[in-house]
Amino acid sequence: MMNAEVGFGRKVLGVFEKFGISFEHMPSGIDTMTIMVHQDEFEEYEQSVIAGIHRAVEPDMVDLESDLALIAVVGRGMKAPAHSRKNLLRTGTCPHQCQDDRPGLQ
């Protein structure tokens, strides 16, 4: 369904845009789309966003998980600018997320 419908991702992201919610990361596969957002921005509009997604694309399922953190691991020989590494580590909303003041995240 998702891979056969032109504009599917745009429609889903349009729902977030309607409520002024920016996304941090959006991994996807042939039949799955994941959107990571800051929980603080999302909580107020949670039910409205989910309802909007259902109206916009009629998905088979919408699964909501809270208190997740996104961690990027850079492999041997690969480089990422320090600010990107720091921002990726700070993306999650769980109480154990990495913070700016940790050593090595300069």
PDB file of N, CA and C in Angstrom:
ATOM      1  N   MET A   1       0.836  -1.183   0.000  1.00  0.00           N
ATOM      2  CA  MET A   1       0.000   0.000   0.000  1.00  0.00           C
ATOM      3  C   MET A   1       0.879   1.243   0.000  1.00  0.00           C
ATOM      4  N   MET A   2       1.751   1.368   0.983  1.00  0.00           N
ATOM      5  CA  MET A   2       2.555   2.572   1.120  1.00  0.00           C
ATOM      6  C   MET A   2       3.446   2.782  -0.098  1.00  0.00           C
ATOM      7  N   ASN A   3       4.086   1.720  -0.568  1.00  0.00           N
ATOM      8  CA  ASN A   3       4.998   1.852  -1.696  1.00  0.00           C
ATOM      9  C   ASN A   3       4.271   2.035  -3.026  1.00  0.00           C
ATOM     10  N   ALA A   4       2.991   1.749  -3.069  1.00  0.00           N
ATOM     11  CA  ALA A   4       2.222   1.876  -4.307  1.00  0.00           C
ATOM     12  C   ALA A   4       1.528   3.227  -4.427  1.00  0.00           C
ATOM     13  N   GLU A   5       1.464   3.988  -3.360  1.00  0.00           N
ATOM     14  CA  GLU A   5       0.731   5.264  -3.370  1.00  0.00           C
ATOM     15  C   GLU A   5       1.702   6.440  -3.452  1.00  0.00           C
ATOM     16  N   VAL A   6       1.688   7.113  -4.569  1.00  0.00           N
ATOM     17  CA  VAL A   6       2.526   8.295  -4.736  1.00  0.00           C
ATOM     18  C   VAL A   6       2.048   9.380  -3.772  1.00  0.00           C
ATOM     19  N   GLY A   7       2.969   9.956  -3.029  1.00  0.00           N
ATOM     20  CA  GLY A   7       2.618  11.023  -2.101  1.00  0.00           C
ATOM     21  C   GLY A   7       2.279  10.559  -0.695  1.00  0.00           C
ATOM     22  N   PHE A   8       2.417   9.267  -0.427  1.00  0.00           N
ATOM     23  CA  PHE A   8       2.069   8.731   0.894  1.00  0.00           C
ATOM     24  C   PHE A   8       2.849   9.439   2.000  1.00  0.00           C
ATOM     25  N   GLY A   9       4.165   9.496   1.865  1.00  0.00           N
ATOM     26  CA  GLY A   9       5.001  10.140   2.884  1.00  0.00           C
ATOM     27  C   GLY A   9       4.677  11.608   3.046  1.00  0.00           C
ATOM     28  N   ARG A  10       4.442  12.301   1.934  1.00  0.00           N
ATOM     29  CA  ARG A  10       4.096  13.725   1.988  1.00  0.00           C
ATOM     30  C   ARG A  10       2.784  13.942   2.738  1.00  0.00           C
ATOM     31  N   LYS A  11       1.822  13.071   2.512  1.00  0.00           N
ATOM     32  CA  LYS A  11       0.530  13.193   3.200  1.00  0.00           C
ATOM     33  C   LYS A  11       0.700  13.009   4.706  1.00  0.00           C
ATOM     34  N   VAL A  12       1.486  12.009   5.094  1.00  0.00           N
ATOM     35  CA  VAL A  12       1.713  11.761   6.524  1.00  0.00           C
ATOM     36  C   VAL A  12       2.442  12.948   7.151  1.00  0.00           C
ATOM     37  N   LEU A  13       3.511  13.406   6.505  1.00  0.00           N
ATOM     38  CA  LEU A  13       4.252  14.543   7.048  1.00  0.00           C
ATOM     39  C   LEU A  13       3.407  15.812   7.040  1.00  0.00           C
ATOM     40  N   GLY A  14       2.469  15.917   6.111  1.00  0.00           N
ATOM     41  CA  GLY A  14       1.562  17.062   6.080  1.00  0.00           C
ATOM     42  C   GLY A  14       0.714  17.173   7.343  1.00  0.00           C
ATOM     43  N   VAL A  15       0.368  16.025   7.921  1.00  0.00           N
ATOM     44  CA  VAL A  15      -0.394  16.037   9.178  1.00  0.00           C
ATOM     45  C   VAL A  15       0.453  16.653  10.291  1.00  0.00           C
ATOM     46  N   PHE A  16       1.712  16.277  10.358  1.00  0.00           N
ATOM     47  CA  PHE A  16       2.611  16.854  11.366  1.00  0.00           C
ATOM     48  C   PHE A  16       2.793  18.349  11.118  1.00  0.00           C
ATOM     49  N   GLU A  17       2.927  18.722   9.862  1.00  0.00           N
ATOM     50  CA  GLU A  17       3.090  20.139   9.507  1.00  0.00           C
ATOM     51  C   GLU A  17       1.871  20.957   9.927  1.00  0.00           C
ATOM     52  N   LYS A  18       0.691  20.409   9.733  1.00  0.00           N
ATOM     53  CA  LYS A  18      -0.552  21.094  10.093  1.00  0.00           C
ATOM     54  C   LYS A  18      -0.557  21.514  11.562  1.00  0.00           C
ATOM     55  N   PHE A  19       0.059  20.692  12.412  1.00  0.00           N
ATOM     56  CA  PHE A  19       0.086  20.980  13.843  1.00  0.00           C
ATOM     57  C   PHE A  19       1.409  21.611  14.288  1.00  0.00           C
ATOM     58  N   GLY A  20       2.247  21.973  13.336  1.00  0.00           N
ATOM     59  CA  GLY A  20       3.505  22.655  13.656  1.00  0.00           C
ATOM     60  C   GLY A  20       4.527  21.770  14.347  1.00  0.00           C
ATOM     61  N   ILE A  21       4.503  20.480  14.045  1.00  0.00           N
ATOM     62  CA  ILE A  21       5.422  19.530  14.673  1.00  0.00           C
ATOM     63  C   ILE A  21       6.497  19.142  13.657  1.00  0.00           C
ATOM     64  N   SER A  22       7.739  19.417  13.975  1.00  0.00           N
ATOM     65  CA  SER A  22       8.825  19.016  13.085  1.00  0.00           C
ATOM     66  C   SER A  22       9.297  17.621  13.465  1.00  0.00           C
ATOM     67  N   PHE A  23       9.822  16.890  12.503  1.00  0.00           N
ATOM     68  CA  PHE A  23      10.307  15.549  12.802  1.00  0.00           C
ATOM     69  C   PHE A  23      11.825  15.557  12.875  1.00  0.00           C
ATOM     70  N   GLU A  24      12.362  14.631  13.654  1.00  0.00           N
ATOM     71  CA  GLU A  24      13.802  14.521  13.859  1.00  0.00           C
ATOM     72  C   GLU A  24      14.438  13.496  12.925  1.00  0.00           C
ATOM     73  N   HIS A  25      13.724  12.404  12.695  1.00  0.00           N
ATOM     74  CA  HIS A  25      14.283  11.307  11.901  1.00  0.00           C
ATOM     75  C   HIS A  25      13.126  10.515  11.326  1.00  0.00           C
ATOM     76  N   MET A  26      13.309   9.963  10.115  1.00  0.00           N
ATOM     77  CA  MET A  26      12.219   9.241   9.486  1.00  0.00           C
ATOM     78  C   MET A  26      12.744   8.023   8.720  1.00  0.00           C
ATOM     79  N   PRO A  27      13.113   6.955   9.434  1.00  0.00           N
ATOM     80  CA  PRO A  27      13.495   5.734   8.724  1.00  0.00           C
ATOM     81  C   PRO A  27      12.246   5.069   8.141  1.00  0.00           C
ATOM     82  N   SER A  28      12.394   4.424   6.993  1.00  0.00           N
ATOM     83  CA  SER A  28      11.244   3.745   6.408  1.00  0.00           C
ATOM     84  C   SER A  28      11.697   2.525   5.621  1.00  0.00           C
ATOM     85  N   GLY A  29      10.753   1.673   5.351  1.00  0.00           N
ATOM     86  CA  GLY A  29      10.988   0.486   4.545  1.00  0.00           C
ATOM     87  C   GLY A  29       9.926   0.421   3.464  1.00  0.00           C
ATOM     88  N   ILE A  30       9.783  -0.720   2.828  1.00  0.00           N
ATOM     89  CA  ILE A  30       8.829  -0.837   1.732  1.00  0.00           C
ATOM     90  C   ILE A  30       7.381  -0.728   2.219  1.00  0.00           C
ATOM     91  N   ASP A  31       7.136  -1.111   3.467  1.00  0.00           N
ATOM     92  CA  ASP A  31       5.762  -1.067   3.970  1.00  0.00           C
ATOM     93  C   ASP A  31       5.653  -0.464   5.367  1.00  0.00           C
ATOM     94  N   THR A  32       6.693   0.211   5.813  1.00  0.00           N
ATOM     95  CA  THR A  32       6.699   0.792   7.156  1.00  0.00           C
ATOM     96  C   THR A  32       7.326   2.174   7.116  1.00  0.00           C
ATOM     97  N   MET A  33       6.727   3.096   7.833  1.00  0.00           N
ATOM     98  CA  MET A  33       7.257   4.453   7.939  1.00  0.00           C
ATOM     99  C   MET A  33       7.293   4.814   9.413  1.00  0.00           C
ATOM    100  N   THR A  34       8.450   5.217   9.896  1.00  0.00           N
ATOM    101  CA  THR A  34       8.611   5.591  11.297  1.00  0.00           C
ATOM    102  C   THR A  34       8.959   7.067  11.354  1.00  0.00           C
ATOM    103  N   ILE A  35       8.302   7.797  12.223  1.00  0.00           N
ATOM    104  CA  ILE A  35       8.584   9.224  12.360  1.00  0.00           C
ATOM    105  C   ILE A  35       8.927   9.500  13.812  1.00  0.00           C
ATOM    106  N   MET A  36      10.125   9.996  14.039  1.00  0.00           N
ATOM    107  CA  MET A  36      10.561  10.317  15.396  1.00  0.00           C
ATOM    108  C   MET A  36      10.433  11.824  15.603  1.00  0.00           C
ATOM    109  N   VAL A  37       9.745  12.201  16.687  1.00  0.00           N
ATOM    110  CA  VAL A  37       9.528  13.606  17.019  1.00  0.00           C
ATOM    111  C   VAL A  37       9.842  13.820  18.498  1.00  0.00           C
ATOM    112  N   HIS A  38      10.032  15.072  18.875  1.00  0.00           N
ATOM    113  CA  HIS A  38      10.213  15.382  20.287  1.00  0.00           C
ATOM    114  C   HIS A  38       8.880  15.206  20.998  1.00  0.00           C
ATOM    115  N   GLN A  39       8.894  14.476  22.076  1.00  0.00           N
ATOM    116  CA  GLN A  39       7.675  14.194  22.822  1.00  0.00           C
ATOM    117  C   GLN A  39       7.016  15.473  23.326  1.00  0.00           C
ATOM    118  N   ASP A  40       7.815  16.442  23.751  1.00  0.00           N
ATOM    119  CA  ASP A  40       7.264  17.696  24.272  1.00  0.00           C
ATOM    120  C   ASP A  40       6.400  18.406  23.229  1.00  0.00           C
ATOM    121  N   GLU A  41       6.811  18.371  21.971  1.00  0.00           N
ATOM    122  CA  GLU A  41       6.054  19.012  20.899  1.00  0.00           C
ATOM    123  C   GLU A  41       4.824  18.203  20.518  1.00  0.00           C
ATOM    124  N   PHE A  42       4.889  16.907  20.693  1.00  0.00           N
ATOM    125  CA  PHE A  42       3.870  15.994  20.191  1.00  0.00           C
ATOM    126  C   PHE A  42       2.704  15.753  21.150  1.00  0.00           C
ATOM    127  N   GLU A  43       2.989  15.742  22.446  1.00  0.00           N
ATOM    128  CA  GLU A  43       1.987  15.321  23.437  1.00  0.00           C
ATOM    129  C   GLU A  43       0.653  16.051  23.308  1.00  0.00           C
ATOM    130  N   GLU A  44       0.682  17.339  23.119  1.00  0.00           N
ATOM    131  CA  GLU A  44      -0.545  18.137  23.062  1.00  0.00           C
ATOM    132  C   GLU A  44      -1.439  17.737  21.878  1.00  0.00           C
ATOM    133  N   TYR A  45      -0.819  17.302  20.785  1.00  0.00           N
ATOM    134  CA  TYR A  45      -1.554  17.016  19.557  1.00  0.00           C
ATOM    135  C   TYR A  45      -1.642  15.530  19.229  1.00  0.00           C
ATOM    136  N   GLU A  46      -1.230  14.684  20.160  1.00  0.00           N
ATOM    137  CA  GLU A  46      -1.114  13.245  19.902  1.00  0.00           C
ATOM    138  C   GLU A  46      -2.333  12.647  19.210  1.00  0.00           C
ATOM    139  N   GLN A  47      -3.504  12.780  19.814  1.00  0.00           N
ATOM    140  CA  GLN A  47      -4.709  12.165  19.254  1.00  0.00           C
ATOM    141  C   GLN A  47      -5.121  12.808  17.932  1.00  0.00           C
ATOM    142  N   SER A  48      -4.919  14.114  17.811  1.00  0.00           N
ATOM    143  CA  SER A  48      -5.253  14.810  16.568  1.00  0.00           C
ATOM    144  C   SER A  48      -4.359  14.359  15.422  1.00  0.00           C
ATOM    145  N   VAL A  49      -3.077  14.168  15.703  1.00  0.00           N
ATOM    146  CA  VAL A  49      -2.137  13.707  14.676  1.00  0.00           C
ATOM    147  C   VAL A  49      -2.491  12.286  14.235  1.00  0.00           C
ATOM    148  N   ILE A  50      -2.751  11.419  15.179  1.00  0.00           N
ATOM    149  CA  ILE A  50      -3.092  10.035  14.839  1.00  0.00           C
ATOM    150  C   ILE A  50      -4.381   9.989  14.010  1.00  0.00           C
ATOM    151  N   ALA A  51      -5.381  10.760  14.420  1.00  0.00           N
ATOM    152  CA  ALA A  51      -6.633  10.815  13.655  1.00  0.00           C
ATOM    153  C   ALA A  51      -6.385  11.383  12.258  1.00  0.00           C
ATOM    154  N   GLY A  52      -5.530  12.400  12.163  1.00  0.00           N
ATOM    155  CA  GLY A  52      -5.206  12.995  10.872  1.00  0.00           C
ATOM    156  C   GLY A  52      -4.506  12.028   9.950  1.00  0.00           C
ATOM    157  N   ILE A  53      -3.626  11.219  10.491  1.00  0.00           N
ATOM    158  CA  ILE A  53      -2.936  10.204   9.689  1.00  0.00           C
ATOM    159  C   ILE A  53      -3.941   9.178   9.169  1.00  0.00           C
ATOM    160  N   HIS A  54      -4.860   8.759  10.032  1.00  0.00           N
ATOM    161  CA  HIS A  54      -5.893   7.802   9.604  1.00  0.00           C
ATOM    162  C   HIS A  54      -6.727   8.384   8.466  1.00  0.00           C
ATOM    163  N   ARG A  55      -7.104   9.652   8.570  1.00  0.00           N
ATOM    164  CA  ARG A  55      -7.895  10.293   7.513  1.00  0.00           C
ATOM    165  C   ARG A  55      -7.083  10.459   6.223  1.00  0.00           C
ATOM    166  N   ALA A  56      -5.817  10.823   6.359  1.00  0.00           N
ATOM    167  CA  ALA A  56      -4.999  11.140   5.189  1.00  0.00           C
ATOM    168  C   ALA A  56      -4.616   9.921   4.354  1.00  0.00           C
ATOM    169  N   VAL A  57      -4.262   8.809   5.011  1.00  0.00           N
ATOM    170  CA  VAL A  57      -3.726   7.672   4.252  1.00  0.00           C
ATOM    171  C   VAL A  57      -4.363   6.326   4.574  1.00  0.00           C
ATOM    172  N   GLU A  58      -5.276   6.283   5.511  1.00  0.00           N
ATOM    173  CA  GLU A  58      -5.944   5.037   5.897  1.00  0.00           C
ATOM    174  C   GLU A  58      -4.952   3.890   6.085  1.00  0.00           C
ATOM    175  N   PRO A  59      -4.027   4.031   7.044  1.00  0.00           N
ATOM    176  CA  PRO A  59      -3.007   2.994   7.247  1.00  0.00           C
ATOM    177  C   PRO A  59      -3.598   1.726   7.855  1.00  0.00           C
ATOM    178  N   ASP A  60      -2.895   0.620   7.674  1.00  0.00           N
ATOM    179  CA  ASP A  60      -3.315  -0.637   8.298  1.00  0.00           C
ATOM    180  C   ASP A  60      -3.193  -0.533   9.812  1.00  0.00           C
ATOM    181  N   MET A  61      -2.176   0.180  10.269  1.00  0.00           N
ATOM    182  CA  MET A  61      -1.923   0.267  11.702  1.00  0.00           C
ATOM    183  C   MET A  61      -1.090   1.511  12.000  1.00  0.00           C
ATOM    184  N   VAL A  62      -1.358   2.136  13.135  1.00  0.00           N
ATOM    185  CA  VAL A  62      -0.516   3.206  13.661  1.00  0.00           C
ATOM    186  C   VAL A  62      -0.103   2.778  15.057  1.00  0.00           C
ATOM    187  N   ASP A  63       1.177   2.706  15.298  1.00  0.00           N
ATOM    188  CA  ASP A  63       1.706   2.273  16.587  1.00  0.00           C
ATOM    189  C   ASP A  63       2.479   3.432  17.187  1.00  0.00           C
ATOM    190  N   LEU A  64       2.145   3.830  18.403  1.00  0.00           N
ATOM    191  CA  LEU A  64       2.791   4.954  19.075  1.00  0.00           C
ATOM    192  C   LEU A  64       3.619   4.430  20.237  1.00  0.00           C
ATOM    193  N   GLU A  65       4.892   4.808  20.263  1.00  0.00           N
ATOM    194  CA  GLU A  65       5.767   4.446  21.377  1.00  0.00           C
ATOM    195  C   GLU A  65       6.372   5.721  21.929  1.00  0.00           C
ATOM    196  N   SER A  66       6.359   5.862  23.246  1.00  0.00           N
ATOM    197  CA  SER A  66       6.910   7.051  23.904  1.00  0.00           C
ATOM    198  C   SER A  66       8.220   6.712  24.601  1.00  0.00           C
ATOM    199  N   ASP A  67       8.924   7.755  24.989  1.00  0.00           N
ATOM    200  CA  ASP A  67      10.159   7.623  25.775  1.00  0.00           C
ATOM    201  C   ASP A  67      11.222   6.794  25.069  1.00  0.00           C
ATOM    202  N   LEU A  68      11.474   7.114  23.813  1.00  0.00           N
ATOM    203  CA  LEU A  68      12.521   6.446  23.050  1.00  0.00           C
ATOM    204  C   LEU A  68      13.660   7.422  22.811  1.00  0.00           C
ATOM    205  N   ALA A  69      14.823   6.897  22.605  1.00  0.00           N
ATOM    206  CA  ALA A  69      15.976   7.722  22.257  1.00  0.00           C
ATOM    207  C   ALA A  69      16.576   7.183  20.971  1.00  0.00           C
ATOM    208  N   LEU A  70      17.109   8.059  20.165  1.00  0.00           N
ATOM    209  CA  LEU A  70      17.769   7.679  18.930  1.00  0.00           C
ATOM    210  C   LEU A  70      19.269   7.811  19.130  1.00  0.00           C
ATOM    211  N   ILE A  71      19.979   6.749  18.872  1.00  0.00           N
ATOM    212  CA  ILE A  71      21.433   6.776  19.036  1.00  0.00           C
ATOM    213  C   ILE A  71      22.055   6.387  17.702  1.00  0.00           C
ATOM    214  N   ALA A  72      22.965   7.199  17.221  1.00  0.00           N
ATOM    215  CA  ALA A  72      23.680   6.903  15.974  1.00  0.00           C
ATOM    216  C   ALA A  72      25.059   6.379  16.335  1.00  0.00           C
ATOM    217  N   VAL A  73      25.441   5.274  15.722  1.00  0.00           N
ATOM    218  CA  VAL A  73      26.762   4.703  15.940  1.00  0.00           C
ATOM    219  C   VAL A  73      27.526   4.840  14.630  1.00  0.00           C
ATOM    220  N   VAL A  74      28.653   5.485  14.682  1.00  0.00           N
ATOM    221  CA  VAL A  74      29.457   5.704  13.490  1.00  0.00           C
ATOM    222  C   VAL A  74      30.548   4.645  13.435  1.00  0.00           C
ATOM    223  N   GLY A  75      30.629   3.939  12.317  1.00  0.00           N
ATOM    224  CA  GLY A  75      31.567   2.829  12.180  1.00  0.00           C
ATOM    225  C   GLY A  75      32.970   3.272  11.814  1.00  0.00           C
ATOM    226  N   ARG A  76      33.877   2.310  11.796  1.00  0.00           N
ATOM    227  CA  ARG A  76      35.289   2.555  11.495  1.00  0.00           C
ATOM    228  C   ARG A  76      35.424   3.198  10.113  1.00  0.00           C
ATOM    229  N   GLY A  77      36.228   4.232  10.061  1.00  0.00           N
ATOM    230  CA  GLY A  77      36.482   4.906   8.803  1.00  0.00           C
ATOM    231  C   GLY A  77      35.405   5.886   8.386  1.00  0.00           C
ATOM    232  N   MET A  78      34.342   5.987   9.156  1.00  0.00           N
ATOM    233  CA  MET A  78      33.270   6.931   8.835  1.00  0.00           C
ATOM    234  C   MET A  78      33.378   8.112   9.775  1.00  0.00           C
ATOM    235  N   LYS A  79      33.037   9.265   9.282  1.00  0.00           N
ATOM    236  CA  LYS A  79      33.114  10.459  10.115  1.00  0.00           C
ATOM    237  C   LYS A  79      31.782  11.176  10.090  1.00  0.00           C
ATOM    238  N   ALA A  80      31.443  11.780  11.222  1.00  0.00           N
ATOM    239  CA  ALA A  80      30.255  12.626  11.311  1.00  0.00           C
ATOM    240  C   ALA A  80      30.669  13.886  12.047  1.00  0.00           C
ATOM    241  N   PRO A  81      30.208  15.047  11.589  1.00  0.00           N
ATOM    242  CA  PRO A  81      30.549  16.271  12.319  1.00  0.00           C
ATOM    243  C   PRO A  81      30.096  16.174  13.772  1.00  0.00           C
ATOM    244  N   ALA A  82      30.855  16.779  14.662  1.00  0.00           N
ATOM    245  CA  ALA A  82      30.552  16.695  16.094  1.00  0.00           C
ATOM    246  C   ALA A  82      29.143  17.173  16.401  1.00  0.00           C
ATOM    247  N   HIS A  83      28.698  18.248  15.752  1.00  0.00           N
ATOM    248  CA  HIS A  83      27.360  18.754  16.065  1.00  0.00           C
ATOM    249  C   HIS A  83      26.283  17.756  15.644  1.00  0.00           C
ATOM    250  N   SER A  84      26.479  17.027  14.543  1.00  0.00           N
ATOM    251  CA  SER A  84      25.502  16.025  14.127  1.00  0.00           C
ATOM    252  C   SER A  84      25.439  14.890  15.129  1.00  0.00           C
ATOM    253  N   ARG A  85      26.606  14.423  15.561  1.00  0.00           N
ATOM    254  CA  ARG A  85      26.667  13.334  16.538  1.00  0.00           C
ATOM    255  C   ARG A  85      25.956  13.743  17.817  1.00  0.00           C
ATOM    256  N   LYS A  86      26.213  14.956  18.285  1.00  0.00           N
ATOM    257  CA  LYS A  86      25.603  15.433  19.522  1.00  0.00           C
ATOM    258  C   LYS A  86      24.086  15.537  19.358  1.00  0.00           C
ATOM    259  N   ASN A  87      23.622  16.083  18.251  1.00  0.00           N
ATOM    260  CA  ASN A  87      22.183  16.236  18.038  1.00  0.00           C
ATOM    261  C   ASN A  87      21.485  14.894  17.923  1.00  0.00           C
ATOM    262  N   LEU A  88      22.099  13.915  17.263  1.00  0.00           N
ATOM    263  CA  LEU A  88      21.478  12.602  17.166  1.00  0.00           C
ATOM    264  C   LEU A  88      21.355  11.953  18.535  1.00  0.00           C
ATOM    265  N   LEU A  89      22.355  12.132  19.366  1.00  0.00           N
ATOM    266  CA  LEU A  89      22.294  11.537  20.699  1.00  0.00           C
ATOM    267  C   LEU A  89      21.252  12.223  21.568  1.00  0.00           C
ATOM    268  N   ARG A  90      20.937  13.467  21.279  1.00  0.00           N
ATOM    269  CA  ARG A  90      19.978  14.217  22.090  1.00  0.00           C
ATOM    270  C   ARG A  90      18.555  14.103  21.578  1.00  0.00           C
ATOM    271  N   THR A  91      18.312  13.398  20.489  1.00  0.00           N
ATOM    272  CA  THR A  91      17.007  13.383  19.852  1.00  0.00           C
ATOM    273  C   THR A  91      15.907  12.770  20.710  1.00  0.00           C
ATOM    274  N   GLY A  92      16.199  11.729  21.472  1.00  0.00           N
ATOM    275  CA  GLY A  92      15.167  11.018  22.225  1.00  0.00           C
ATOM    276  C   GLY A  92      14.574  11.839  23.349  1.00  0.00           C
ATOM    277  N   THR A  93      13.537  11.297  23.960  1.00  0.00           N
ATOM    278  CA  THR A  93      12.844  12.013  25.020  1.00  0.00           C
ATOM    279  C   THR A  93      12.850  11.264  26.343  1.00  0.00           C
ATOM    280  N   CYS A  94      13.518  10.128  26.407  1.00  0.00           N
ATOM    281  CA  CYS A  94      13.503   9.365  27.651  1.00  0.00           C
ATOM    282  C   CYS A  94      14.371  10.055  28.705  1.00  0.00           C
ATOM    283  N   PRO A  95      14.148   9.797  29.982  1.00  0.00           N
ATOM    284  CA  PRO A  95      14.899  10.467  31.031  1.00  0.00           C
ATOM    285  C   PRO A  95      16.377  10.101  31.051  1.00  0.00           C
ATOM    286  N   HIS A  96      16.774   9.083  30.286  1.00  0.00           N
ATOM    287  CA  HIS A  96      18.161   8.641  30.296  1.00  0.00           C
ATOM    288  C   HIS A  96      18.918   9.076  29.049  1.00  0.00           C
ATOM    289  N   GLN A  97      18.336  10.002  28.277  1.00  0.00           N
ATOM    290  CA  GLN A  97      18.986  10.396  27.026  1.00  0.00           C
ATOM    291  C   GLN A  97      20.318  11.091  27.291  1.00  0.00           C
ATOM    292  N   CYS A  98      21.185  11.059  26.299  1.00  0.00           N
ATOM    293  CA  CYS A  98      22.489  11.702  26.414  1.00  0.00           C
ATOM    294  C   CYS A  98      22.296  13.217  26.482  1.00  0.00           C
ATOM    295  N   GLN A  99      23.147  13.865  27.200  1.00  0.00           N
ATOM    296  CA  GLN A  99      23.057  15.305  27.372  1.00  0.00           C
ATOM    297  C   GLN A  99      24.317  15.971  26.844  1.00  0.00           C
ATOM    298  N   ASP A 100      24.237  17.268  26.569  1.00  0.00           N
ATOM    299  CA  ASP A 100      25.380  18.041  26.078  1.00  0.00           C
ATOM    300  C   ASP A 100      26.572  18.001  27.020  1.00  0.00           C
ATOM    301  N   ASP A 101      26.309  17.906  28.328  1.00  0.00           N
ATOM    302  CA  ASP A 101      27.386  18.054  29.294  1.00  0.00           C
ATOM    303  C   ASP A 101      28.198  16.775  29.510  1.00  0.00           C
ATOM    304  N   ARG A 102      27.936  15.734  28.763  1.00  0.00           N
ATOM    305  CA  ARG A 102      28.737  14.511  28.905  1.00  0.00           C
ATOM    306  C   ARG A 102      30.084  14.698  28.234  1.00  0.00           C
ATOM    307  N   PRO A 103      31.139  14.155  28.823  1.00  0.00           N
ATOM    308  CA  PRO A 103      32.464  14.262  28.217  1.00  0.00           C
ATOM    309  C   PRO A 103      32.481  13.606  26.840  1.00  0.00           C
ATOM    310  N   GLY A 104      33.211  14.192  25.922  1.00  0.00           N
ATOM    311  CA  GLY A 104      33.376  13.604  24.610  1.00  0.00           C
ATOM    312  C   GLY A 104      32.348  14.014  23.587  1.00  0.00           C
ATOM    313  N   LEU A 105      31.334  14.785  23.954  1.00  0.00           N
ATOM    314  CA  LEU A 105      30.335  15.216  22.993  1.00  0.00           C
ATOM    315  C   LEU A 105      30.564  16.660  22.548  1.00  0.00           C
ATOM    316  N   GLN A 106      31.765  17.118  22.689  1.00  0.00           N
ATOM    317  CA  GLN A 106      32.092  18.519  22.349  1.00  0.00           C
ATOM    318  C   GLN A 106      31.992  18.735  20.861  1.00  0.00           C
TER     319      GLN A 106
END
